Amino acid sequence: EVSVLGVDNDEFSCGLSTPPLSSIDMNLEKVGYTAAQLLQ
C-alpha cells in the first residue's frame, strides 16, 4: 500500500526498520576522497 525510499543508505538504520528500508547510496567515499585530495 505504501512504498518508502530513504536517502543515505545507513545500513544499520535500514536494517533496523521493519520491513528493511530501501535507500539511495550517496557515493560518500568518493566525496571524502576527493575532498581530501583537494585539501592536499
PDB file of all heavy atoms in Angstrom:
ATOM      1  N   GLU A   1       0.818  -1.213   0.000  1.00  0.00           N
ATOM      2  CA  GLU A   1       0.000   0.000   0.000  1.00  0.00           C
ATOM      3  C   GLU A   1       0.854   1.267   0.000  1.00  0.00           C
ATOM      4  O   GLU A   1       0.529   2.249  -0.669  1.00  0.00           O
ATOM      5  CB  GLU A   1      -0.932   0.007   1.217  1.00  0.00           C
ATOM      6  CG  GLU A   1      -1.976  -1.087   1.207  1.00  0.00           C
ATOM      7  CD  GLU A   1      -2.843  -1.048   2.449  1.00  0.00           C
ATOM      8  OE1 GLU A   1      -2.374  -1.513   3.513  1.00  0.00           O
ATOM      9  OE2 GLU A   1      -3.981  -0.547   2.367  1.00  0.00           O
ATOM     10  N   VAL A   2       1.921   1.237   0.770  1.00  0.00           N
ATOM     11  CA  VAL A   2       2.827   2.387   0.864  1.00  0.00           C
ATOM     12  C   VAL A   2       4.252   1.894   0.611  1.00  0.00           C
ATOM     13  O   VAL A   2       4.749   1.024   1.322  1.00  0.00           O
ATOM     14  CB  VAL A   2       2.743   3.066   2.245  1.00  0.00           C
ATOM     15  CG1 VAL A   2       3.669   4.286   2.278  1.00  0.00           C
ATOM     16  CG2 VAL A   2       1.309   3.473   2.571  1.00  0.00           C
ATOM     17  N   SER A   3       4.884   2.448  -0.411  1.00  0.00           N
ATOM     18  CA  SER A   3       6.271   2.106  -0.738  1.00  0.00           C
ATOM     19  C   SER A   3       7.155   3.259  -0.285  1.00  0.00           C
ATOM     20  O   SER A   3       6.875   4.418  -0.584  1.00  0.00           O
ATOM     21  CB  SER A   3       6.412   1.888  -2.243  1.00  0.00           C
ATOM     22  OG  SER A   3       7.679   1.397  -2.590  1.00  0.00           O
ATOM     23  N   VAL A   4       8.229   2.959   0.467  1.00  0.00           N
ATOM     24  CA  VAL A   4       9.039   4.008   1.101  1.00  0.00           C
ATOM     25  C   VAL A   4      10.500   3.867   0.678  1.00  0.00           C
ATOM     26  O   VAL A   4      11.083   2.783   0.753  1.00  0.00           O
ATOM     27  CB  VAL A   4       8.941   3.944   2.641  1.00  0.00           C
ATOM     28  CG1 VAL A   4       9.791   5.044   3.277  1.00  0.00           C
ATOM     29  CG2 VAL A   4       7.488   4.066   3.087  1.00  0.00           C
ATOM     30  N   LEU A   5      11.085   4.998   0.270  1.00  0.00           N
ATOM     31  CA  LEU A   5      12.501   5.050  -0.123  1.00  0.00           C
ATOM     32  C   LEU A   5      13.211   6.119   0.688  1.00  0.00           C
ATOM     33  O   LEU A   5      12.757   7.259   0.749  1.00  0.00           O
ATOM     34  CB  LEU A   5      12.626   5.367  -1.612  1.00  0.00           C
ATOM     35  CG  LEU A   5      14.043   5.556  -2.176  1.00  0.00           C
ATOM     36  CD1 LEU A   5      14.806   4.231  -2.138  1.00  0.00           C
ATOM     37  CD2 LEU A   5      13.988   6.102  -3.600  1.00  0.00           C
ATOM     38  N   GLY A   6      14.337   5.767   1.317  1.00  0.00           N
ATOM     39  CA  GLY A   6      15.130   6.720   2.085  1.00  0.00           C
ATOM     40  C   GLY A   6      16.335   7.222   1.310  1.00  0.00           C
ATOM     41  O   GLY A   6      16.526   6.899   0.133  1.00  0.00           O
ATOM     42  N   VAL A   7      17.167   7.996   1.980  1.00  0.00           N
ATOM     43  CA  VAL A   7      18.393   8.542   1.395  1.00  0.00           C
ATOM     44  C   VAL A   7      19.514   8.446   2.430  1.00  0.00           C
ATOM     45  O   VAL A   7      19.299   8.789   3.592  1.00  0.00           O
ATOM     46  CB  VAL A   7      18.220  10.018   0.980  1.00  0.00           C
ATOM     47  CG1 VAL A   7      19.529  10.569   0.404  1.00  0.00           C
ATOM     48  CG2 VAL A   7      17.085  10.193  -0.020  1.00  0.00           C
ATOM     49  N   ASP A   8      20.671   8.007   2.017  1.00  0.00           N
ATOM     50  CA  ASP A   8      21.925   7.888   2.778  1.00  0.00           C
ATOM     51  C   ASP A   8      22.413   6.452   2.853  1.00  0.00           C
ATOM     52  O   ASP A   8      23.587   6.197   3.064  1.00  0.00           O
ATOM     53  CB  ASP A   8      21.852   8.440   4.207  1.00  0.00           C
ATOM     54  CG  ASP A   8      21.808   9.950   4.255  1.00  0.00           C
ATOM     55  OD1 ASP A   8      22.154  10.587   3.239  1.00  0.00           O
ATOM     56  OD2 ASP A   8      21.418  10.509   5.305  1.00  0.00           O
ATOM     57  N   ASN A   9      21.488   5.482   2.750  1.00  0.00           N
ATOM     58  CA  ASN A   9      21.830   4.064   2.839  1.00  0.00           C
ATOM     59  C   ASN A   9      22.630   3.747   4.101  1.00  0.00           C
ATOM     60  O   ASN A   9      23.686   3.121   4.048  1.00  0.00           O
ATOM     61  CB  ASN A   9      22.598   3.595   1.607  1.00  0.00           C
ATOM     62  CG  ASN A   9      22.651   2.078   1.507  1.00  0.00           C
ATOM     63  OD1 ASN A   9      21.692   1.399   1.851  1.00  0.00           O
ATOM     64  ND2 ASN A   9      23.768   1.539   1.064  1.00  0.00           N
ATOM     65  N   ASP A  10      22.111   4.198   5.234  1.00  0.00           N
ATOM     66  CA  ASP A  10      22.678   3.828   6.531  1.00  0.00           C
ATOM     67  C   ASP A  10      22.271   2.378   6.799  1.00  0.00           C
ATOM     68  O   ASP A  10      21.120   2.102   7.132  1.00  0.00           O
ATOM     69  CB  ASP A  10      22.145   4.758   7.620  1.00  0.00           C
ATOM     70  CG  ASP A  10      22.788   4.503   8.971  1.00  0.00           C
ATOM     71  OD1 ASP A  10      23.074   3.335   9.296  1.00  0.00           O
ATOM     72  OD2 ASP A  10      23.003   5.480   9.718  1.00  0.00           O
ATOM     73  N   GLU A  11      23.204   1.452   6.627  1.00  0.00           N
ATOM     74  CA  GLU A  11      22.862   0.040   6.683  1.00  0.00           C
ATOM     75  C   GLU A  11      22.295  -0.369   8.035  1.00  0.00           C
ATOM     76  O   GLU A  11      21.430  -1.241   8.122  1.00  0.00           O
ATOM     77  CB  GLU A  11      24.084  -0.812   6.330  1.00  0.00           C
ATOM     78  CG  GLU A  11      24.508  -0.652   4.870  1.00  0.00           C
ATOM     79  CD  GLU A  11      25.513  -1.691   4.443  1.00  0.00           C
ATOM     80  OE1 GLU A  11      25.839  -2.592   5.256  1.00  0.00           O
ATOM     81  OE2 GLU A  11      25.969  -1.629   3.284  1.00  0.00           O
ATOM     82  N   PHE A  12      22.762   0.265   9.120  1.00  0.00           N
ATOM     83  CA  PHE A  12      22.223  -0.062  10.439  1.00  0.00           C
ATOM     84  C   PHE A  12      20.760   0.354  10.522  1.00  0.00           C
ATOM     85  O   PHE A  12      19.890  -0.436  10.899  1.00  0.00           O
ATOM     86  CB  PHE A  12      23.029   0.647  11.532  1.00  0.00           C
ATOM     87  CG  PHE A  12      22.431   0.476  12.911  1.00  0.00           C
ATOM     88  CD1 PHE A  12      22.612  -0.701  13.610  1.00  0.00           C
ATOM     89  CD2 PHE A  12      21.680   1.488  13.487  1.00  0.00           C
ATOM     90  CE1 PHE A  12      22.050  -0.875  14.878  1.00  0.00           C
ATOM     91  CE2 PHE A  12      21.113   1.330  14.741  1.00  0.00           C
ATOM     92  CZ  PHE A  12      21.298   0.151  15.438  1.00  0.00           C
ATOM     93  N   SER A  13      20.472   1.602  10.148  1.00  0.00           N
ATOM     94  CA  SER A  13      19.096   2.096  10.222  1.00  0.00           C
ATOM     95  C   SER A  13      18.182   1.342   9.265  1.00  0.00           C
ATOM     96  O   SER A  13      17.061   0.977   9.619  1.00  0.00           O
ATOM     97  CB  SER A  13      19.049   3.594   9.908  1.00  0.00           C
ATOM     98  OG  SER A  13      19.766   4.339  10.863  1.00  0.00           O
ATOM     99  N   CYS A  14      18.663   1.117   8.032  1.00  0.00           N
ATOM    100  CA  CYS A  14      17.838   0.441   7.038  1.00  0.00           C
ATOM    101  C   CYS A  14      17.513  -0.985   7.456  1.00  0.00           C
ATOM    102  O   CYS A  14      16.427  -1.494   7.187  1.00  0.00           O
ATOM    103  CB  CYS A  14      18.538   0.445   5.688  1.00  0.00           C
ATOM    104  SG  CYS A  14      18.691   2.093   4.947  1.00  0.00           S
ATOM    105  N   GLY A  15      18.453  -1.645   8.131  1.00  0.00           N
ATOM    106  CA  GLY A  15      18.214  -2.998   8.601  1.00  0.00           C
ATOM    107  C   GLY A  15      17.405  -3.052   9.881  1.00  0.00           C
ATOM    108  O   GLY A  15      16.758  -4.057  10.181  1.00  0.00           O
ATOM    109  N   LEU A  16      17.409  -1.948  10.632  1.00  0.00           N
ATOM    110  CA  LEU A  16      16.679  -1.890  11.896  1.00  0.00           C
ATOM    111  C   LEU A  16      15.174  -1.800  11.674  1.00  0.00           C
ATOM    112  O   LEU A  16      14.377  -2.260  12.491  1.00  0.00           O
ATOM    113  CB  LEU A  16      17.151  -0.683  12.714  1.00  0.00           C
ATOM    114  CG  LEU A  16      16.563  -0.472  14.106  1.00  0.00           C
ATOM    115  CD1 LEU A  16      16.986  -1.612  15.029  1.00  0.00           C
ATOM    116  CD2 LEU A  16      17.024   0.859  14.674  1.00  0.00           C
ATOM    117  N   SER A  17      14.772  -1.204  10.559  1.00  0.00           N
ATOM    118  CA  SER A  17      13.351  -0.977  10.296  1.00  0.00           C
ATOM    119  C   SER A  17      12.658  -2.266   9.889  1.00  0.00           C
ATOM    120  O   SER A  17      13.283  -3.243   9.485  1.00  0.00           O
ATOM    121  CB  SER A  17      13.186   0.068   9.193  1.00  0.00           C
ATOM    122  OG  SER A  17      13.704  -0.432   7.970  1.00  0.00           O
ATOM    123  N   THR A  18      11.330  -2.251   9.996  1.00  0.00           N
ATOM    124  CA  THR A  18      10.500  -3.374   9.585  1.00  0.00           C
ATOM    125  C   THR A  18       9.421  -2.854   8.642  1.00  0.00           C
ATOM    126  O   THR A  18       8.571  -2.089   9.063  1.00  0.00           O
ATOM    127  CB  THR A  18       9.839  -4.071  10.788  1.00  0.00           C
ATOM    128  OG1 THR A  18      10.847  -4.456  11.720  1.00  0.00           O
ATOM    129  CG2 THR A  18       9.058  -5.282  10.353  1.00  0.00           C
ATOM    130  N   PRO A  19       9.478  -3.230   7.353  1.00  0.00           N
ATOM    131  CA  PRO A  19      10.496  -4.059   6.698  1.00  0.00           C
ATOM    132  C   PRO A  19      11.771  -3.263   6.459  1.00  0.00           C
ATOM    133  O   PRO A  19      11.770  -2.044   6.646  1.00  0.00           O
ATOM    134  CB  PRO A  19       9.826  -4.429   5.373  1.00  0.00           C
ATOM    135  CG  PRO A  19       8.969  -3.244   5.065  1.00  0.00           C
ATOM    136  CD  PRO A  19       8.432  -2.795   6.397  1.00  0.00           C
ATOM    137  N   PRO A  20      12.864  -3.911   6.038  1.00  0.00           N
ATOM    138  CA  PRO A  20      14.100  -3.169   5.743  1.00  0.00           C
ATOM    139  C   PRO A  20      13.858  -2.080   4.715  1.00  0.00           C
ATOM    140  O   PRO A  20      13.110  -2.248   3.759  1.00  0.00           O
ATOM    141  CB  PRO A  20      15.033  -4.265   5.211  1.00  0.00           C
ATOM    142  CG  PRO A  20      14.528  -5.523   5.836  1.00  0.00           C
ATOM    143  CD  PRO A  20      13.040  -5.374   5.892  1.00  0.00           C
ATOM    144  N   LEU A  21      14.525  -0.940   4.922  1.00  0.00           N
ATOM    145  CA  LEU A  21      14.282   0.260   4.131  1.00  0.00           C
ATOM    146  C   LEU A  21      15.170   0.326   2.891  1.00  0.00           C
ATOM    147  O   LEU A  21      16.400   0.260   2.993  1.00  0.00           O
ATOM    148  CB  LEU A  21      14.537   1.495   5.006  1.00  0.00           C
ATOM    149  CG  LEU A  21      14.406   2.874   4.346  1.00  0.00           C
ATOM    150  CD1 LEU A  21      12.962   3.144   3.949  1.00  0.00           C
ATOM    151  CD2 LEU A  21      14.923   3.960   5.284  1.00  0.00           C
ATOM    152  N   SER A  22      14.557   0.486   1.717  1.00  0.00           N
ATOM    153  CA  SER A  22      15.326   0.795   0.511  1.00  0.00           C
ATOM    154  C   SER A  22      15.893   2.199   0.637  1.00  0.00           C
ATOM    155  O   SER A  22      15.247   3.084   1.220  1.00  0.00           O
ATOM    156  CB  SER A  22      14.437   0.715  -0.734  1.00  0.00           C
ATOM    157  OG  SER A  22      13.969  -0.583  -0.963  1.00  0.00           O
ATOM    158  N   SER A  23      17.075   2.417   0.080  1.00  0.00           N
ATOM    159  CA  SER A  23      17.691   3.734   0.253  1.00  0.00           C
ATOM    160  C   SER A  23      18.646   4.024  -0.896  1.00  0.00           C
ATOM    161  O   SER A  23      19.016   3.131  -1.662  1.00  0.00           O
ATOM    162  CB  SER A  23      18.433   3.809   1.590  1.00  0.00           C
ATOM    163  OG  SER A  23      18.882   5.123   1.861  1.00  0.00           O
ATOM    164  N   ILE A  24      19.053   5.293  -0.997  1.00  0.00           N
ATOM    165  CA  ILE A  24      19.950   5.736  -2.052  1.00  0.00           C
ATOM    166  C   ILE A  24      21.375   5.811  -1.512  1.00  0.00           C
ATOM    167  O   ILE A  24      21.642   6.494  -0.529  1.00  0.00           O
ATOM    168  CB  ILE A  24      19.526   7.108  -2.603  1.00  0.00           C
ATOM    169  CG1 ILE A  24      18.119   7.028  -3.193  1.00  0.00           C
ATOM    170  CG2 ILE A  24      20.518   7.594  -3.662  1.00  0.00           C
ATOM    171  CD1 ILE A  24      17.587   8.348  -3.701  1.00  0.00           C
ATOM    172  N   ASP A  25      22.270   5.071  -2.166  1.00  0.00           N
ATOM    173  CA  ASP A  25      23.689   5.137  -1.848  1.00  0.00           C
ATOM    174  C   ASP A  25      24.226   6.437  -2.431  1.00  0.00           C
ATOM    175  O   ASP A  25      24.178   6.666  -3.636  1.00  0.00           O
ATOM    176  CB  ASP A  25      24.403   3.930  -2.454  1.00  0.00           C
ATOM    177  CG  ASP A  25      25.877   3.854  -2.081  1.00  0.00           C
ATOM    178  OD1 ASP A  25      26.496   4.922  -1.858  1.00  0.00           O
ATOM    179  OD2 ASP A  25      26.419   2.743  -2.027  1.00  0.00           O
ATOM    180  N   MET A  26      24.813   7.284  -1.560  1.00  0.00           N
ATOM    181  CA  MET A  26      25.155   8.651  -1.951  1.00  0.00           C
ATOM    182  C   MET A  26      26.562   8.816  -2.539  1.00  0.00           C
ATOM    183  O   MET A  26      26.969   9.922  -2.853  1.00  0.00           O
ATOM    184  CB  MET A  26      25.033   9.561  -0.728  1.00  0.00           C
ATOM    185  CG  MET A  26      23.629   9.644  -0.175  1.00  0.00           C
ATOM    186  SD  MET A  26      22.687  10.909  -0.982  1.00  0.00           S
ATOM    187  CE  MET A  26      23.232  12.321  -0.014  1.00  0.00           C
ATOM    188  N   ASN A  27      27.328   7.734  -2.648  1.00  0.00           N
ATOM    189  CA  ASN A  27      28.681   7.875  -3.216  1.00  0.00           C
ATOM    190  C   ASN A  27      29.604   8.660  -2.279  1.00  0.00           C
ATOM    191  O   ASN A  27      30.466   9.428  -2.719  1.00  0.00           O
ATOM    192  CB  ASN A  27      28.609   8.580  -4.580  1.00  0.00           C
ATOM    193  CG  ASN A  27      29.620   8.064  -5.571  1.00  0.00           C
ATOM    194  OD1 ASN A  27      30.375   7.152  -5.290  1.00  0.00           O
ATOM    195  ND2 ASN A  27      29.636   8.658  -6.747  1.00  0.00           N
ATOM    196  N   LEU A  28      29.442   8.469  -0.973  1.00  0.00           N
ATOM    197  CA  LEU A  28      30.104   9.328   0.003  1.00  0.00           C
ATOM    198  C   LEU A  28      31.607   9.097   0.095  1.00  0.00           C
ATOM    199  O   LEU A  28      32.359  10.031   0.389  1.00  0.00           O
ATOM    200  CB  LEU A  28      29.450   9.133   1.371  1.00  0.00           C
ATOM    201  CG  LEU A  28      27.975   9.547   1.428  1.00  0.00           C
ATOM    202  CD1 LEU A  28      27.354   9.159   2.756  1.00  0.00           C
ATOM    203  CD2 LEU A  28      27.837  11.041   1.196  1.00  0.00           C
ATOM    204  N   GLU A  29      32.054   7.874  -0.143  1.00  0.00           N
ATOM    205  CA  GLU A  29      33.501   7.637  -0.092  1.00  0.00           C
ATOM    206  C   GLU A  29      34.210   8.450  -1.165  1.00  0.00           C
ATOM    207  O   GLU A  29      35.307   8.971  -0.939  1.00  0.00           O
ATOM    208  CB  GLU A  29      33.801   6.149  -0.242  1.00  0.00           C
ATOM    209  CG  GLU A  29      33.478   5.338   1.005  1.00  0.00           C
ATOM    210  CD  GLU A  29      34.106   3.965   0.975  1.00  0.00           C
ATOM    211  OE1 GLU A  29      35.205   3.819   0.395  1.00  0.00           O
ATOM    212  OE2 GLU A  29      33.501   3.034   1.534  1.00  0.00           O
ATOM    213  N   LYS A  30      33.591   8.577  -2.333  1.00  0.00           N
ATOM    214  CA  LYS A  30      34.191   9.372  -3.394  1.00  0.00           C
ATOM    215  C   LYS A  30      34.237  10.843  -2.985  1.00  0.00           C
ATOM    216  O   LYS A  30      35.205  11.556  -3.276  1.00  0.00           O
ATOM    217  CB  LYS A  30      33.419   9.203  -4.700  1.00  0.00           C
ATOM    218  CG  LYS A  30      34.011   9.961  -5.861  1.00  0.00           C
ATOM    219  CD  LYS A  30      33.406   9.538  -7.190  1.00  0.00           C
ATOM    220  CE  LYS A  30      33.932   8.181  -7.614  1.00  0.00           C
ATOM    221  NZ  LYS A  30      33.512   7.820  -8.991  1.00  0.00           N
ATOM    222  N   VAL A  31      33.173  11.317  -2.308  1.00  0.00           N
ATOM    223  CA  VAL A  31      33.157  12.700  -1.814  1.00  0.00           C
ATOM    224  C   VAL A  31      34.310  12.924  -0.838  1.00  0.00           C
ATOM    225  O   VAL A  31      35.057  13.906  -0.939  1.00  0.00           O
ATOM    226  CB  VAL A  31      31.814  13.017  -1.138  1.00  0.00           C
ATOM    227  CG1 VAL A  31      31.872  14.360  -0.416  1.00  0.00           C
ATOM    228  CG2 VAL A  31      30.688  13.028  -2.161  1.00  0.00           C
ATOM    229  N   GLY A  32      34.474  12.007   0.121  1.00  0.00           N
ATOM    230  CA  GLY A  32      35.539  12.153   1.109  1.00  0.00           C
ATOM    231  C   GLY A  32      36.918  12.094   0.489  1.00  0.00           C
ATOM    232  O   GLY A  32      37.812  12.880   0.845  1.00  0.00           O
ATOM    233  N   TYR A  33      37.120  11.159  -0.438  1.00  0.00           N
ATOM    234  CA  TYR A  33      38.427  11.023  -1.091  1.00  0.00           C
ATOM    235  C   TYR A  33      38.769  12.293  -1.863  1.00  0.00           C
ATOM    236  O   TYR A  33      39.897  12.811  -1.780  1.00  0.00           O
ATOM    237  CB  TYR A  33      38.411   9.821  -2.031  1.00  0.00           C
ATOM    238  CG  TYR A  33      39.778   9.391  -2.512  1.00  0.00           C
ATOM    239  CD1 TYR A  33      40.405   8.285  -1.959  1.00  0.00           C
ATOM    240  CD2 TYR A  33      40.445  10.075  -3.527  1.00  0.00           C
ATOM    241  CE1 TYR A  33      41.655   7.869  -2.395  1.00  0.00           C
ATOM    242  CE2 TYR A  33      41.698   9.678  -3.968  1.00  0.00           C
ATOM    243  CZ  TYR A  33      42.299   8.574  -3.397  1.00  0.00           C
ATOM    244  OH  TYR A  33      43.544   8.173  -3.827  1.00  0.00           O
ATOM    245  N   THR A  34      37.802  12.804  -2.619  1.00  0.00           N
ATOM    246  CA  THR A  34      38.043  13.997  -3.427  1.00  0.00           C
ATOM    247  C   THR A  34      38.296  15.214  -2.560  1.00  0.00           C
ATOM    248  O   THR A  34      39.147  16.056  -2.880  1.00  0.00           O
ATOM    249  CB  THR A  34      36.850  14.253  -4.366  1.00  0.00           C
ATOM    250  OG1 THR A  34      36.659  13.104  -5.189  1.00  0.00           O
ATOM    251  CG2 THR A  34      37.076  15.470  -5.234  1.00  0.00           C
ATOM    252  N   ALA A  35      37.547  15.345  -1.455  1.00  0.00           N
ATOM    253  CA  ALA A  35      37.760  16.475  -0.548  1.00  0.00           C
ATOM    254  C   ALA A  35      39.165  16.444   0.031  1.00  0.00           C
ATOM    255  O   ALA A  35      39.850  17.477   0.126  1.00  0.00           O
ATOM    256  CB  ALA A  35      36.723  16.448   0.571  1.00  0.00           C
ATOM    257  N   ALA A  36      39.638  15.254   0.408  1.00  0.00           N
ATOM    258  CA  ALA A  36      41.000  15.123   0.932  1.00  0.00           C
ATOM    259  C   ALA A  36      42.026  15.458  -0.151  1.00  0.00           C
ATOM    260  O   ALA A  36      43.027  16.142   0.104  1.00  0.00           O
ATOM    261  CB  ALA A  36      41.213  13.701   1.454  1.00  0.00           C
ATOM    262  N   GLN A  37      41.771  14.985  -1.357  1.00  0.00           N
ATOM    263  CA  GLN A  37      42.660  15.265  -2.478  1.00  0.00           C
ATOM    264  C   GLN A  37      42.743  16.764  -2.758  1.00  0.00           C
ATOM    265  O   GLN A  37      43.832  17.318  -2.977  1.00  0.00           O
ATOM    266  CB  GLN A  37      42.115  14.521  -3.699  1.00  0.00           C
ATOM    267  CG  GLN A  37      43.067  14.332  -4.848  1.00  0.00           C
ATOM    268  CD  GLN A  37      42.437  13.435  -5.898  1.00  0.00           C
ATOM    269  OE1 GLN A  37      41.269  13.608  -6.273  1.00  0.00           O
ATOM    270  NE2 GLN A  37      43.195  12.464  -6.383  1.00  0.00           N
ATOM    271  N   LEU A  38      41.586  17.430  -2.709  1.00  0.00           N
ATOM    272  CA  LEU A  38      41.539  18.870  -2.946  1.00  0.00           C
ATOM    273  C   LEU A  38      42.255  19.628  -1.836  1.00  0.00           C
ATOM    274  O   LEU A  38      43.014  20.572  -2.103  1.00  0.00           O
ATOM    275  CB  LEU A  38      40.082  19.324  -3.048  1.00  0.00           C
ATOM    276  CG  LEU A  38      39.837  20.829  -3.198  1.00  0.00           C
ATOM    277  CD1 LEU A  38      40.523  21.370  -4.441  1.00  0.00           C
ATOM    278  CD2 LEU A  38      38.333  21.117  -3.235  1.00  0.00           C
ATOM    279  N   LEU A  39      42.034  19.229  -0.585  1.00  0.00           N
ATOM    280  CA  LEU A  39      42.701  19.912   0.522  1.00  0.00           C
ATOM    281  C   LEU A  39      44.208  19.760   0.420  1.00  0.00           C
ATOM    282  O   LEU A  39      44.955  20.716   0.688  1.00  0.00           O
ATOM    283  CB  LEU A  39      42.199  19.364   1.858  1.00  0.00           C
ATOM    284  CG  LEU A  39      42.765  20.054   3.100  1.00  0.00           C
ATOM    285  CD1 LEU A  39      42.343  21.528   3.145  1.00  0.00           C
ATOM    286  CD2 LEU A  39      42.327  19.343   4.377  1.00  0.00           C
ATOM    287  N   GLN A  40      44.672  18.576   0.034  1.00  0.00           N
ATOM    288  CA  GLN A  40      46.104  18.356  -0.128  1.00  0.00           C
ATOM    289  C   GLN A  40      46.685  19.361  -1.126  1.00  0.00           C
ATOM    290  O   GLN A  40      47.726  19.988  -0.864  1.00  0.00           O
ATOM    291  CB  GLN A  40      46.364  16.923  -0.620  1.00  0.00           C
ATOM    292  CG  GLN A  40      47.810  16.596  -0.900  1.00  0.00           C
ATOM    293  CD  GLN A  40      48.632  16.327   0.356  1.00  0.00           C
ATOM    294  OE1 GLN A  40      48.074  16.026   1.406  1.00  0.00           O
ATOM    295  NE2 GLN A  40      49.940  16.458   0.252  1.00  0.00           N
TER     296      GLN A  40
END
